Amino acid sequence: MLVVALIAQLALGAGLIVVAVNGFPLIGGGDKEHRSTAAPGAVPHAKVDRFDAPRAFALIRRELAYGQRPAGSPALRRLADVLRRQLPRGRFEPVPGHPGLRNIIGTLPGRRPAIVVGAHYDTEYHPRGFVGANDGAAGSAAVVELARALRGGSGREVRFVLFDGEEEGPGCPNAQFVRCALRGSRAYVAAHPREVGDMVLLDYIANKGVRLPREGSSDAALWARVRAAAGAVGVGSVFPPRDQTTIYDDHTPFLRAGIPSVDLIDFSYRYADTVHDTLDKLSVASLDAVGETVFALIGKLRGA
């Protein structure tokens, strides 16, 4: 009996050590309290080269040099000036009701309804020292590079929107995320009714071994086109044919306005919302796979 009890205690202690090191797995929900212990898989190389991933990666590094960049902060405003200059016809658009917040908009002209390619460029205000390499910097850098790569095309109008205030501010309980976060995207949808026909959101897209199943609320038909584009450029395995949980994100206001939208986000990213979301967790290969896929998708949508 004593031997059995001792073995059981040793097994329990080993299990607690594993949990302490790796964290608990995601169990349902749609908030940002999640971690994954899965080892990253290999990311295939795209068979086309139209998206400059190294240049986008360099922009991520430049964004991180501004440190923590919560909505309304001086650091974010300085970065915003840099990002605006890199978008075609770049301009600021205020976020009503939130002084100091502003979306950044770039536009490739064409017929409407427009296609929006978006990401948020602010970071969490906590924990102190959070720089958001994957959660903010990667998506916004990819949007900027897509704007550069897609210049010269024709067809439908494309808008590149970097949302401010995606993250909740101080005093907002996590359960009220949709009400007090997503400030820039809610303002954008309200300001541009009936102008947008499709929306593609880029969030956690550059982590090593990235995998992007369909986010639970993303439009199924548009998601099918994402997977077709990924297959066409040779990175279909990055977009596996399964669903993940529903996530409230900057695509949510678009969906609620009846606009087909998809959220490209690897919700298994284990460093989310921690100070360990840093550049060394990212991969040029992951960034390239997503960038080439979205480039191909937008090309198809522009001609539709």
C-alpha atoms as a PDB file:
ATOM      1  CA  MET A   1       0.000   0.000   0.000  1.00  0.00           C
ATOM      2  CA  LEU A   2       2.786   2.416   0.942  1.00  0.00           C
ATOM      3  CA  VAL A   3       4.621   1.680  -2.303  1.00  0.00           C
ATOM      4  CA  VAL A   4       1.466   2.274  -4.375  1.00  0.00           C
ATOM      5  CA  ALA A   5       0.790   5.545  -2.537  1.00  0.00           C
ATOM      6  CA  LEU A   6       4.373   6.682  -3.096  1.00  0.00           C
ATOM      7  CA  ILE A   7       4.159   5.924  -6.822  1.00  0.00           C
ATOM      8  CA  ALA A   8       0.861   7.828  -7.074  1.00  0.00           C
ATOM      9  CA  GLN A   9       2.368  10.854  -5.319  1.00  0.00           C
ATOM     10  CA  LEU A  10       5.384  10.829  -7.620  1.00  0.00           C
ATOM     11  CA  ALA A  11       3.133  10.642 -10.688  1.00  0.00           C
ATOM     12  CA  LEU A  12       0.993  13.519  -9.413  1.00  0.00           C
ATOM     13  CA  GLY A  13       4.069  15.625  -8.707  1.00  0.00           C
ATOM     14  CA  ALA A  14       5.437  14.979 -12.196  1.00  0.00           C
ATOM     15  CA  GLY A  15       2.099  15.971 -13.695  1.00  0.00           C
ATOM     16  CA  LEU A  16       2.055  19.230 -11.744  1.00  0.00           C
ATOM     17  CA  ILE A  17       5.554  20.036 -12.959  1.00  0.00           C
ATOM     18  CA  VAL A  18       4.482  19.500 -16.585  1.00  0.00           C
ATOM     19  CA  VAL A  19       1.480  21.792 -16.117  1.00  0.00           C
ATOM     20  CA  ALA A  20       3.614  24.438 -14.433  1.00  0.00           C
ATOM     21  CA  VAL A  21       6.044  24.459 -17.333  1.00  0.00           C
ATOM     22  CA  ASN A  22       3.599  24.235 -20.215  1.00  0.00           C
ATOM     23  CA  GLY A  23       0.333  25.717 -18.948  1.00  0.00           C
ATOM     24  CA  PHE A  24      -3.206  24.397 -19.294  1.00  0.00           C
ATOM     25  CA  PRO A  25      -4.637  23.782 -22.759  1.00  0.00           C
ATOM     26  CA  LEU A  26      -7.458  25.920 -24.141  1.00  0.00           C
ATOM     27  CA  ILE A  27     -10.839  24.621 -23.069  1.00  0.00           C
ATOM     28  CA  GLY A  28     -13.564  26.354 -25.079  1.00  0.00           C
ATOM     29  CA  GLY A  29     -14.238  30.076 -24.869  1.00  0.00           C
ATOM     30  CA  GLY A  30     -13.319  32.912 -27.161  1.00  0.00           C
ATOM     31  CA  ASP A  31     -11.188  35.153 -24.965  1.00  0.00           C
ATOM     32  CA  LYS A  32      -7.411  35.477 -25.053  1.00  0.00           C
ATOM     33  CA  GLU A  33      -6.627  33.265 -22.053  1.00  0.00           C
ATOM     34  CA  HIS A  34      -5.085  30.400 -23.954  1.00  0.00           C
ATOM     35  CA  ARG A  35      -1.872  28.464 -24.345  1.00  0.00           C
ATOM     36  CA  SER A  36      -0.808  25.486 -26.425  1.00  0.00           C
ATOM     37  CA  THR A  37       1.828  22.861 -25.765  1.00  0.00           C
ATOM     38  CA  ALA A  38       1.810  21.594 -29.350  1.00  0.00           C
ATOM     39  CA  ALA A  39       5.147  21.572 -31.144  1.00  0.00           C
ATOM     40  CA  PRO A  40       5.206  23.815 -34.220  1.00  0.00           C
ATOM     41  CA  GLY A  41       4.993  22.026 -37.540  1.00  0.00           C
ATOM     42  CA  ALA A  42       6.962  22.733 -40.668  1.00  0.00           C
ATOM     43  CA  VAL A  43       5.726  25.542 -42.901  1.00  0.00           C
ATOM     44  CA  PRO A  44       5.993  24.775 -46.630  1.00  0.00           C
ATOM     45  CA  HIS A  45       7.655  27.202 -49.004  1.00  0.00           C
ATOM     46  CA  ALA A  46       5.319  28.977 -51.397  1.00  0.00           C
ATOM     47  CA  LYS A  47       5.901  28.244 -55.055  1.00  0.00           C
ATOM     48  CA  VAL A  48       5.434  31.907 -55.984  1.00  0.00           C
ATOM     49  CA  ASP A  49       7.319  35.022 -54.861  1.00  0.00           C
ATOM     50  CA  ARG A  50       5.135  38.112 -54.915  1.00  0.00           C
ATOM     51  CA  PHE A  51       5.090  39.015 -51.221  1.00  0.00           C
ATOM     52  CA  ASP A  52       8.408  40.241 -49.780  1.00  0.00           C
ATOM     53  CA  ALA A  53       8.435  38.488 -46.403  1.00  0.00           C
ATOM     54  CA  PRO A  54      11.949  39.604 -45.372  1.00  0.00           C
ATOM     55  CA  ARG A  55      10.950  43.235 -45.894  1.00  0.00           C
ATOM     56  CA  ALA A  56       7.759  42.701 -43.878  1.00  0.00           C
ATOM     57  CA  PHE A  57       9.815  41.007 -41.153  1.00  0.00           C
ATOM     58  CA  ALA A  58      12.115  44.022 -41.043  1.00  0.00           C
ATOM     59  CA  LEU A  59       9.071  46.229 -40.471  1.00  0.00           C
ATOM     60  CA  ILE A  60       8.034  44.021 -37.535  1.00  0.00           C
ATOM     61  CA  ARG A  61      11.470  44.601 -36.022  1.00  0.00           C
ATOM     62  CA  ARG A  62      11.083  48.348 -36.553  1.00  0.00           C
ATOM     63  CA  GLU A  63       7.669  48.347 -34.860  1.00  0.00           C
ATOM     64  CA  LEU A  64       9.046  46.520 -31.837  1.00  0.00           C
ATOM     65  CA  ALA A  65      11.733  49.173 -31.451  1.00  0.00           C
ATOM     66  CA  TYR A  66       8.969  51.526 -30.250  1.00  0.00           C
ATOM     67  CA  GLY A  67       8.377  49.271 -27.250  1.00  0.00           C
ATOM     68  CA  GLN A  68       4.940  48.780 -25.733  1.00  0.00           C
ATOM     69  CA  ARG A  69       2.385  50.639 -27.871  1.00  0.00           C
ATOM     70  CA  PRO A  70      -1.063  50.757 -26.268  1.00  0.00           C
ATOM     71  CA  ALA A  71      -3.833  52.785 -27.895  1.00  0.00           C
ATOM     72  CA  GLY A  72      -3.375  56.534 -27.468  1.00  0.00           C
ATOM     73  CA  SER A  73       0.223  56.284 -26.273  1.00  0.00           C
ATOM     74  CA  PRO A  74       3.008  58.560 -27.579  1.00  0.00           C
ATOM     75  CA  ALA A  75       4.886  55.492 -28.836  1.00  0.00           C
ATOM     76  CA  LEU A  76       1.927  54.376 -30.933  1.00  0.00           C
ATOM     77  CA  ARG A  77       1.404  57.853 -32.382  1.00  0.00           C
ATOM     78  CA  ARG A  78       5.043  57.982 -33.469  1.00  0.00           C
ATOM     79  CA  LEU A  79       4.729  54.566 -35.093  1.00  0.00           C
ATOM     80  CA  ALA A  80       1.487  55.624 -36.780  1.00  0.00           C
ATOM     81  CA  ASP A  81       3.310  58.379 -38.642  1.00  0.00           C
ATOM     82  CA  VAL A  82       5.742  55.781 -40.014  1.00  0.00           C
ATOM     83  CA  LEU A  83       3.020  53.340 -41.061  1.00  0.00           C
ATOM     84  CA  ARG A  84       0.853  55.995 -42.724  1.00  0.00           C
ATOM     85  CA  ARG A  85       3.702  57.007 -45.037  1.00  0.00           C
ATOM     86  CA  GLN A  86       4.089  53.409 -46.192  1.00  0.00           C
ATOM     87  CA  LEU A  87       0.486  52.941 -47.312  1.00  0.00           C
ATOM     88  CA  PRO A  88      -0.815  54.131 -50.704  1.00  0.00           C
ATOM     89  CA  ARG A  89      -2.663  57.437 -50.252  1.00  0.00           C
ATOM     90  CA  GLY A  90      -2.126  56.917 -46.540  1.00  0.00           C
ATOM     91  CA  ARG A  91      -4.268  58.972 -44.194  1.00  0.00           C
ATOM     92  CA  PHE A  92      -5.552  59.002 -40.647  1.00  0.00           C
ATOM     93  CA  GLU A  93      -9.186  58.581 -39.692  1.00  0.00           C
ATOM     94  CA  PRO A  94     -10.253  59.490 -36.126  1.00  0.00           C
ATOM     95  CA  VAL A  95     -12.089  57.067 -33.864  1.00  0.00           C
ATOM     96  CA  PRO A  96     -15.142  59.028 -32.612  1.00  0.00           C
ATOM     97  CA  GLY A  97     -15.629  58.966 -28.874  1.00  0.00           C
ATOM     98  CA  HIS A  98     -11.996  58.028 -28.254  1.00  0.00           C
ATOM     99  CA  PRO A  99      -9.758  61.125 -28.425  1.00  0.00           C
ATOM    100  CA  GLY A 100      -6.236  60.353 -29.530  1.00  0.00           C
ATOM    101  CA  LEU A 101      -7.149  57.129 -31.324  1.00  0.00           C
ATOM    102  CA  ARG A 102      -6.917  56.950 -35.100  1.00  0.00           C
ATOM    103  CA  ASN A 103      -7.112  54.301 -37.763  1.00  0.00           C
ATOM    104  CA  ILE A 104      -4.633  54.364 -40.624  1.00  0.00           C
ATOM    105  CA  ILE A 105      -6.086  53.926 -44.104  1.00  0.00           C
ATOM    106  CA  GLY A 106      -4.442  53.212 -47.445  1.00  0.00           C
ATOM    107  CA  THR A 107      -6.341  52.772 -50.711  1.00  0.00           C
ATOM    108  CA  LEU A 108      -5.855  51.236 -54.133  1.00  0.00           C
ATOM    109  CA  PRO A 109      -8.627  52.699 -56.321  1.00  0.00           C
ATOM    110  CA  GLY A 110     -11.182  50.594 -58.139  1.00  0.00           C
ATOM    111  CA  ARG A 111     -14.820  49.771 -58.233  1.00  0.00           C
ATOM    112  CA  ARG A 112     -16.921  49.139 -55.170  1.00  0.00           C
ATOM    113  CA  PRO A 113     -17.772  47.346 -53.015  1.00  0.00           C
ATOM    114  CA  ALA A 114     -14.260  47.578 -51.639  1.00  0.00           C
ATOM    115  CA  ILE A 115     -12.144  44.819 -50.128  1.00  0.00           C
ATOM    116  CA  VAL A 116     -10.678  45.582 -46.711  1.00  0.00           C
ATOM    117  CA  VAL A 117      -7.404  43.993 -45.647  1.00  0.00           C
ATOM    118  CA  GLY A 118      -6.913  44.834 -41.984  1.00  0.00           C
ATOM    119  CA  ALA A 119      -4.895  44.342 -38.816  1.00  0.00           C
ATOM    120  CA  HIS A 120      -4.550  46.182 -35.537  1.00  0.00           C
ATOM    121  CA  TYR A 121      -1.402  48.127 -34.764  1.00  0.00           C
ATOM    122  CA  ASP A 122      -1.863  48.811 -31.049  1.00  0.00           C
ATOM    123  CA  THR A 123      -0.676  46.478 -28.298  1.00  0.00           C
ATOM    124  CA  GLU A 124      -1.977  45.407 -24.903  1.00  0.00           C
ATOM    125  CA  TYR A 125      -1.358  47.940 -22.122  1.00  0.00           C
ATOM    126  CA  HIS A 126      -0.469  45.048 -19.803  1.00  0.00           C
ATOM    127  CA  PRO A 127       1.616  43.213 -18.765  1.00  0.00           C
ATOM    128  CA  ARG A 128       4.299  45.838 -18.539  1.00  0.00           C
ATOM    129  CA  GLY A 129       6.899  45.291 -21.253  1.00  0.00           C
ATOM    130  CA  PHE A 130       4.534  43.573 -23.698  1.00  0.00           C
ATOM    131  CA  VAL A 131       5.673  44.367 -27.265  1.00  0.00           C
ATOM    132  CA  GLY A 132       3.278  42.212 -29.310  1.00  0.00           C
ATOM    133  CA  ALA A 133       5.495  40.771 -32.019  1.00  0.00           C
ATOM    134  CA  ASN A 134       2.754  38.455 -33.265  1.00  0.00           C
ATOM    135  CA  ASP A 135      -0.156  40.269 -31.642  1.00  0.00           C
ATOM    136  CA  GLY A 136      -0.185  43.485 -33.598  1.00  0.00           C
ATOM    137  CA  ALA A 137       3.194  43.964 -35.261  1.00  0.00           C
ATOM    138  CA  ALA A 138       3.131  40.944 -37.604  1.00  0.00           C
ATOM    139  CA  GLY A 139      -0.352  41.596 -38.962  1.00  0.00           C
ATOM    140  CA  SER A 140       0.201  45.303 -39.519  1.00  0.00           C
ATOM    141  CA  ALA A 141       3.564  44.688 -41.222  1.00  0.00           C
ATOM    142  CA  ALA A 142       1.932  42.144 -43.533  1.00  0.00           C
ATOM    143  CA  VAL A 143      -0.833  44.601 -44.444  1.00  0.00           C
ATOM    144  CA  VAL A 144       1.762  47.255 -45.337  1.00  0.00           C
ATOM    145  CA  GLU A 145       3.716  44.807 -47.504  1.00  0.00           C
ATOM    146  CA  LEU A 146       0.544  43.573 -49.208  1.00  0.00           C
ATOM    147  CA  ALA A 147      -0.310  47.170 -50.070  1.00  0.00           C
ATOM    148  CA  ARG A 148       3.073  47.506 -51.729  1.00  0.00           C
ATOM    149  CA  ALA A 149       2.854  44.165 -53.548  1.00  0.00           C
ATOM    150  CA  LEU A 150      -0.666  44.730 -54.860  1.00  0.00           C
ATOM    151  CA  ARG A 151      -0.021  48.145 -56.406  1.00  0.00           C
ATOM    152  CA  GLY A 152      -0.555  48.199 -60.113  1.00  0.00           C
ATOM    153  CA  GLY A 153      -3.461  45.774 -60.108  1.00  0.00           C
ATOM    154  CA  SER A 154      -6.947  46.628 -61.244  1.00  0.00           C
ATOM    155  CA  GLY A 155     -10.549  45.719 -60.526  1.00  0.00           C
ATOM    156  CA  ARG A 156     -12.190  46.288 -57.170  1.00  0.00           C
ATOM    157  CA  GLU A 157     -11.022  48.920 -54.718  1.00  0.00           C
ATOM    158  CA  VAL A 158      -8.753  47.622 -51.941  1.00  0.00           C
ATOM    159  CA  ARG A 159      -8.485  49.353 -48.583  1.00  0.00           C
ATOM    160  CA  PHE A 160      -5.660  48.620 -46.180  1.00  0.00           C
ATOM    161  CA  VAL A 161      -6.828  49.470 -42.680  1.00  0.00           C
ATOM    162  CA  LEU A 162      -4.693  49.445 -39.545  1.00  0.00           C
ATOM    163  CA  PHE A 163      -7.057  49.580 -36.594  1.00  0.00           C
ATOM    164  CA  ASP A 164      -6.324  51.467 -33.420  1.00  0.00           C
ATOM    165  CA  GLY A 165      -7.821  50.410 -30.085  1.00  0.00           C
ATOM    166  CA  GLU A 166      -8.301  46.729 -30.842  1.00  0.00           C
ATOM    167  CA  GLU A 167      -7.083  45.843 -27.391  1.00  0.00           C
ATOM    168  CA  GLU A 168      -9.191  46.720 -24.352  1.00  0.00           C
ATOM    169  CA  GLY A 169      -8.061  49.666 -22.242  1.00  0.00           C
ATOM    170  CA  PRO A 170      -7.648  49.814 -18.460  1.00  0.00           C
ATOM    171  CA  GLY A 171     -10.829  49.155 -16.492  1.00  0.00           C
ATOM    172  CA  CYS A 172     -12.372  46.804 -19.049  1.00  0.00           C
ATOM    173  CA  PRO A 173     -13.229  43.326 -17.727  1.00  0.00           C
ATOM    174  CA  ASN A 174     -12.337  40.571 -20.188  1.00  0.00           C
ATOM    175  CA  ALA A 175     -15.999  39.528 -20.323  1.00  0.00           C
ATOM    176  CA  GLN A 176     -16.816  42.929 -21.832  1.00  0.00           C
ATOM    177  CA  PHE A 177     -14.134  42.784 -24.533  1.00  0.00           C
ATOM    178  CA  VAL A 178     -16.536  43.327 -27.439  1.00  0.00           C
ATOM    179  CA  ARG A 179     -18.059  46.377 -25.771  1.00  0.00           C
ATOM    180  CA  CYS A 180     -14.910  48.249 -24.782  1.00  0.00           C
ATOM    181  CA  ALA A 181     -12.307  46.899 -27.225  1.00  0.00           C
ATOM    182  CA  LEU A 182     -12.461  46.706 -31.058  1.00  0.00           C
ATOM    183  CA  ARG A 183     -12.794  50.493 -30.974  1.00  0.00           C
ATOM    184  CA  GLY A 184     -11.160  51.231 -34.306  1.00  0.00           C
ATOM    185  CA  SER A 185     -12.963  48.525 -36.273  1.00  0.00           C
ATOM    186  CA  ARG A 186     -16.373  49.412 -34.839  1.00  0.00           C
ATOM    187  CA  ALA A 187     -15.789  53.047 -35.770  1.00  0.00           C
ATOM    188  CA  TYR A 188     -14.648  52.120 -39.282  1.00  0.00           C
ATOM    189  CA  VAL A 189     -17.725  50.012 -40.004  1.00  0.00           C
ATOM    190  CA  ALA A 190     -20.004  52.762 -38.684  1.00  0.00           C
ATOM    191  CA  ALA A 191     -18.292  55.388 -40.850  1.00  0.00           C
ATOM    192  CA  HIS A 192     -18.389  53.378 -44.094  1.00  0.00           C
ATOM    193  CA  PRO A 193     -21.768  51.655 -44.374  1.00  0.00           C
ATOM    194  CA  ARG A 194     -22.440  49.707 -47.577  1.00  0.00           C
ATOM    195  CA  GLU A 195     -18.962  50.496 -48.955  1.00  0.00           C
ATOM    196  CA  VAL A 196     -17.246  47.190 -48.151  1.00  0.00           C
ATOM    197  CA  GLY A 197     -17.958  43.821 -49.753  1.00  0.00           C
ATOM    198  CA  ASP A 198     -15.329  41.555 -48.140  1.00  0.00           C
ATOM    199  CA  MET A 199     -12.958  41.801 -45.185  1.00  0.00           C
ATOM    200  CA  VAL A 200      -9.759  39.837 -44.443  1.00  0.00           C
ATOM    201  CA  LEU A 201      -8.192  40.266 -40.999  1.00  0.00           C
ATOM    202  CA  LEU A 202      -4.592  39.332 -40.161  1.00  0.00           C
ATOM    203  CA  ASP A 203      -3.809  38.738 -36.489  1.00  0.00           C
ATOM    204  CA  TYR A 204      -1.503  35.990 -35.131  1.00  0.00           C
ATOM    205  CA  ILE A 205       0.005  35.014 -38.481  1.00  0.00           C
ATOM    206  CA  ALA A 206       3.800  34.837 -38.165  1.00  0.00           C
ATOM    207  CA  ASN A 207       4.566  32.436 -35.312  1.00  0.00           C
ATOM    208  CA  LYS A 208       6.833  29.498 -36.066  1.00  0.00           C
ATOM    209  CA  GLY A 209       4.895  26.519 -37.379  1.00  0.00           C
ATOM    210  CA  VAL A 210       1.794  28.652 -37.954  1.00  0.00           C
ATOM    211  CA  ARG A 211      -1.496  26.843 -38.570  1.00  0.00           C
ATOM    212  CA  LEU A 212      -4.659  28.737 -39.387  1.00  0.00           C
ATOM    213  CA  PRO A 213      -7.848  26.671 -39.143  1.00  0.00           C
ATOM    214  CA  ARG A 214     -11.103  28.485 -39.859  1.00  0.00           C
ATOM    215  CA  GLU A 215     -11.942  30.835 -36.984  1.00  0.00           C
ATOM    216  CA  GLY A 216     -15.384  29.819 -35.765  1.00  0.00           C
ATOM    217  CA  SER A 217     -17.338  32.877 -36.909  1.00  0.00           C
ATOM    218  CA  SER A 218     -15.507  33.493 -40.210  1.00  0.00           C
ATOM    219  CA  ASP A 219     -17.624  33.424 -43.356  1.00  0.00           C
ATOM    220  CA  ALA A 220     -17.527  29.883 -44.750  1.00  0.00           C
ATOM    221  CA  ALA A 221     -17.607  30.850 -48.429  1.00  0.00           C
ATOM    222  CA  LEU A 222     -14.818  33.409 -48.078  1.00  0.00           C
ATOM    223  CA  TRP A 223     -12.838  30.908 -46.005  1.00  0.00           C
ATOM    224  CA  ALA A 224     -13.135  28.387 -48.823  1.00  0.00           C
ATOM    225  CA  ARG A 225     -11.571  30.959 -51.137  1.00  0.00           C
ATOM    226  CA  VAL A 226      -8.735  31.473 -48.647  1.00  0.00           C
ATOM    227  CA  ARG A 227      -8.000  27.749 -48.681  1.00  0.00           C
ATOM    228  CA  ALA A 228      -8.171  27.652 -52.481  1.00  0.00           C
ATOM    229  CA  ALA A 229      -5.665  30.512 -52.667  1.00  0.00           C
ATOM    230  CA  ALA A 230      -3.370  28.745 -50.181  1.00  0.00           C
ATOM    231  CA  GLY A 231      -3.509  25.559 -52.228  1.00  0.00           C
ATOM    232  CA  ALA A 232      -2.764  27.468 -55.422  1.00  0.00           C
ATOM    233  CA  VAL A 233       0.446  28.934 -53.981  1.00  0.00           C
ATOM    234  CA  GLY A 234       1.541  25.650 -52.404  1.00  0.00           C
ATOM    235  CA  VAL A 235       0.920  26.289 -48.704  1.00  0.00           C
ATOM    236  CA  GLY A 236      -2.412  24.530 -48.232  1.00  0.00           C
ATOM    237  CA  SER A 237      -1.260  22.722 -45.079  1.00  0.00           C
ATOM    238  CA  VAL A 238      -1.013  26.073 -43.264  1.00  0.00           C
ATOM    239  CA  PHE A 239      -4.815  26.387 -43.576  1.00  0.00           C
ATOM    240  CA  PRO A 240      -6.103  22.985 -42.402  1.00  0.00           C
ATOM    241  CA  PRO A 241      -9.724  21.956 -43.133  1.00  0.00           C
ATOM    242  CA  ARG A 242     -11.013  22.258 -39.598  1.00  0.00           C
ATOM    243  CA  ASP A 243     -12.536  24.902 -37.324  1.00  0.00           C
ATOM    244  CA  GLN A 244     -11.224  26.542 -34.192  1.00  0.00           C
ATOM    245  CA  THR A 245     -13.140  28.447 -31.550  1.00  0.00           C
ATOM    246  CA  THR A 246     -15.050  31.662 -32.258  1.00  0.00           C
ATOM    247  CA  ILE A 247     -12.855  34.677 -31.526  1.00  0.00           C
ATOM    248  CA  TYR A 248     -14.032  38.241 -31.040  1.00  0.00           C
ATOM    249  CA  ASP A 249     -11.666  40.308 -33.129  1.00  0.00           C
ATOM    250  CA  ASP A 250     -11.629  43.239 -35.549  1.00  0.00           C
ATOM    251  CA  HIS A 251     -13.613  41.232 -38.099  1.00  0.00           C
ATOM    252  CA  THR A 252     -16.555  40.970 -35.674  1.00  0.00           C
ATOM    253  CA  PRO A 253     -18.052  44.432 -36.385  1.00  0.00           C
ATOM    254  CA  PHE A 254     -17.867  43.668 -40.113  1.00  0.00           C
ATOM    255  CA  LEU A 255     -19.661  40.347 -39.664  1.00  0.00           C
ATOM    256  CA  ARG A 256     -22.350  42.028 -37.581  1.00  0.00           C
ATOM    257  CA  ALA A 257     -22.851  44.507 -40.423  1.00  0.00           C
ATOM    258  CA  GLY A 258     -23.434  41.617 -42.838  1.00  0.00           C
ATOM    259  CA  ILE A 259     -20.021  41.833 -44.527  1.00  0.00           C
ATOM    260  CA  PRO A 260     -18.368  38.476 -45.351  1.00  0.00           C
ATOM    261  CA  SER A 261     -15.188  38.410 -43.266  1.00  0.00           C
ATOM    262  CA  VAL A 262     -12.453  36.019 -42.176  1.00  0.00           C
ATOM    263  CA  ASP A 263     -10.012  36.194 -39.289  1.00  0.00           C
ATOM    264  CA  LEU A 264      -6.624  34.622 -39.997  1.00  0.00           C
ATOM    265  CA  ILE A 265      -5.358  33.857 -36.500  1.00  0.00           C
ATOM    266  CA  ASP A 266      -3.428  31.004 -34.920  1.00  0.00           C
ATOM    267  CA  PHE A 267      -5.261  30.889 -31.605  1.00  0.00           C
ATOM    268  CA  SER A 268      -2.956  28.145 -30.321  1.00  0.00           C
ATOM    269  CA  TYR A 269      -0.068  30.636 -30.119  1.00  0.00           C
ATOM    270  CA  ARG A 270       1.259  29.901 -26.648  1.00  0.00           C
ATOM    271  CA  TYR A 271       2.996  33.239 -26.054  1.00  0.00           C
ATOM    272  CA  ALA A 272      -0.093  35.397 -26.629  1.00  0.00           C
ATOM    273  CA  ASP A 273      -0.619  38.207 -24.116  1.00  0.00           C
ATOM    274  CA  THR A 274       2.731  37.574 -22.426  1.00  0.00           C
ATOM    275  CA  VAL A 275       6.038  39.415 -22.464  1.00  0.00           C
ATOM    276  CA  HIS A 276       7.406  36.406 -24.379  1.00  0.00           C
ATOM    277  CA  ASP A 277       5.547  37.450 -27.565  1.00  0.00           C
ATOM    278  CA  THR A 278       8.826  38.582 -29.070  1.00  0.00           C
ATOM    279  CA  LEU A 279      10.569  38.526 -32.436  1.00  0.00           C
ATOM    280  CA  ASP A 280      12.374  35.231 -31.804  1.00  0.00           C
ATOM    281  CA  LYS A 281       8.990  33.419 -31.726  1.00  0.00           C
ATOM    282  CA  LEU A 282       8.273  34.439 -35.318  1.00  0.00           C
ATOM    283  CA  SER A 283       9.297  32.996 -38.672  1.00  0.00           C
ATOM    284  CA  VAL A 284       9.847  34.555 -42.084  1.00  0.00           C
ATOM    285  CA  ALA A 285       8.496  31.328 -43.611  1.00  0.00           C
ATOM    286  CA  SER A 286       5.210  31.634 -41.703  1.00  0.00           C
ATOM    287  CA  LEU A 287       4.857  35.284 -42.649  1.00  0.00           C
ATOM    288  CA  ASP A 288       5.552  34.461 -46.281  1.00  0.00           C
ATOM    289  CA  ALA A 289       3.003  31.628 -46.433  1.00  0.00           C
ATOM    290  CA  VAL A 290       0.250  33.912 -45.171  1.00  0.00           C
ATOM    291  CA  GLY A 291       1.342  36.878 -47.284  1.00  0.00           C
ATOM    292  CA  GLU A 292       1.434  34.873 -50.515  1.00  0.00           C
ATOM    293  CA  THR A 293      -1.971  33.369 -49.730  1.00  0.00           C
ATOM    294  CA  VAL A 294      -3.624  36.725 -49.087  1.00  0.00           C
ATOM    295  CA  PHE A 295      -1.975  38.222 -52.176  1.00  0.00           C
ATOM    296  CA  ALA A 296      -3.498  35.443 -54.299  1.00  0.00           C
ATOM    297  CA  LEU A 297      -6.870  35.769 -52.577  1.00  0.00           C
ATOM    298  CA  ILE A 298      -7.085  39.545 -53.087  1.00  0.00           C
ATOM    299  CA  GLY A 299      -6.134  39.110 -56.737  1.00  0.00           C
ATOM    300  CA  LYS A 300      -9.094  36.772 -57.199  1.00  0.00           C
ATOM    301  CA  LEU A 301     -11.475  39.009 -55.249  1.00  0.00           C
ATOM    302  CA  ARG A 302     -10.455  42.110 -57.204  1.00  0.00           C
ATOM    303  CA  GLY A 303     -11.412  40.436 -60.426  1.00  0.00           C
ATOM    304  CA  ALA A 304     -14.724  39.098 -59.114  1.00  0.00           C
END
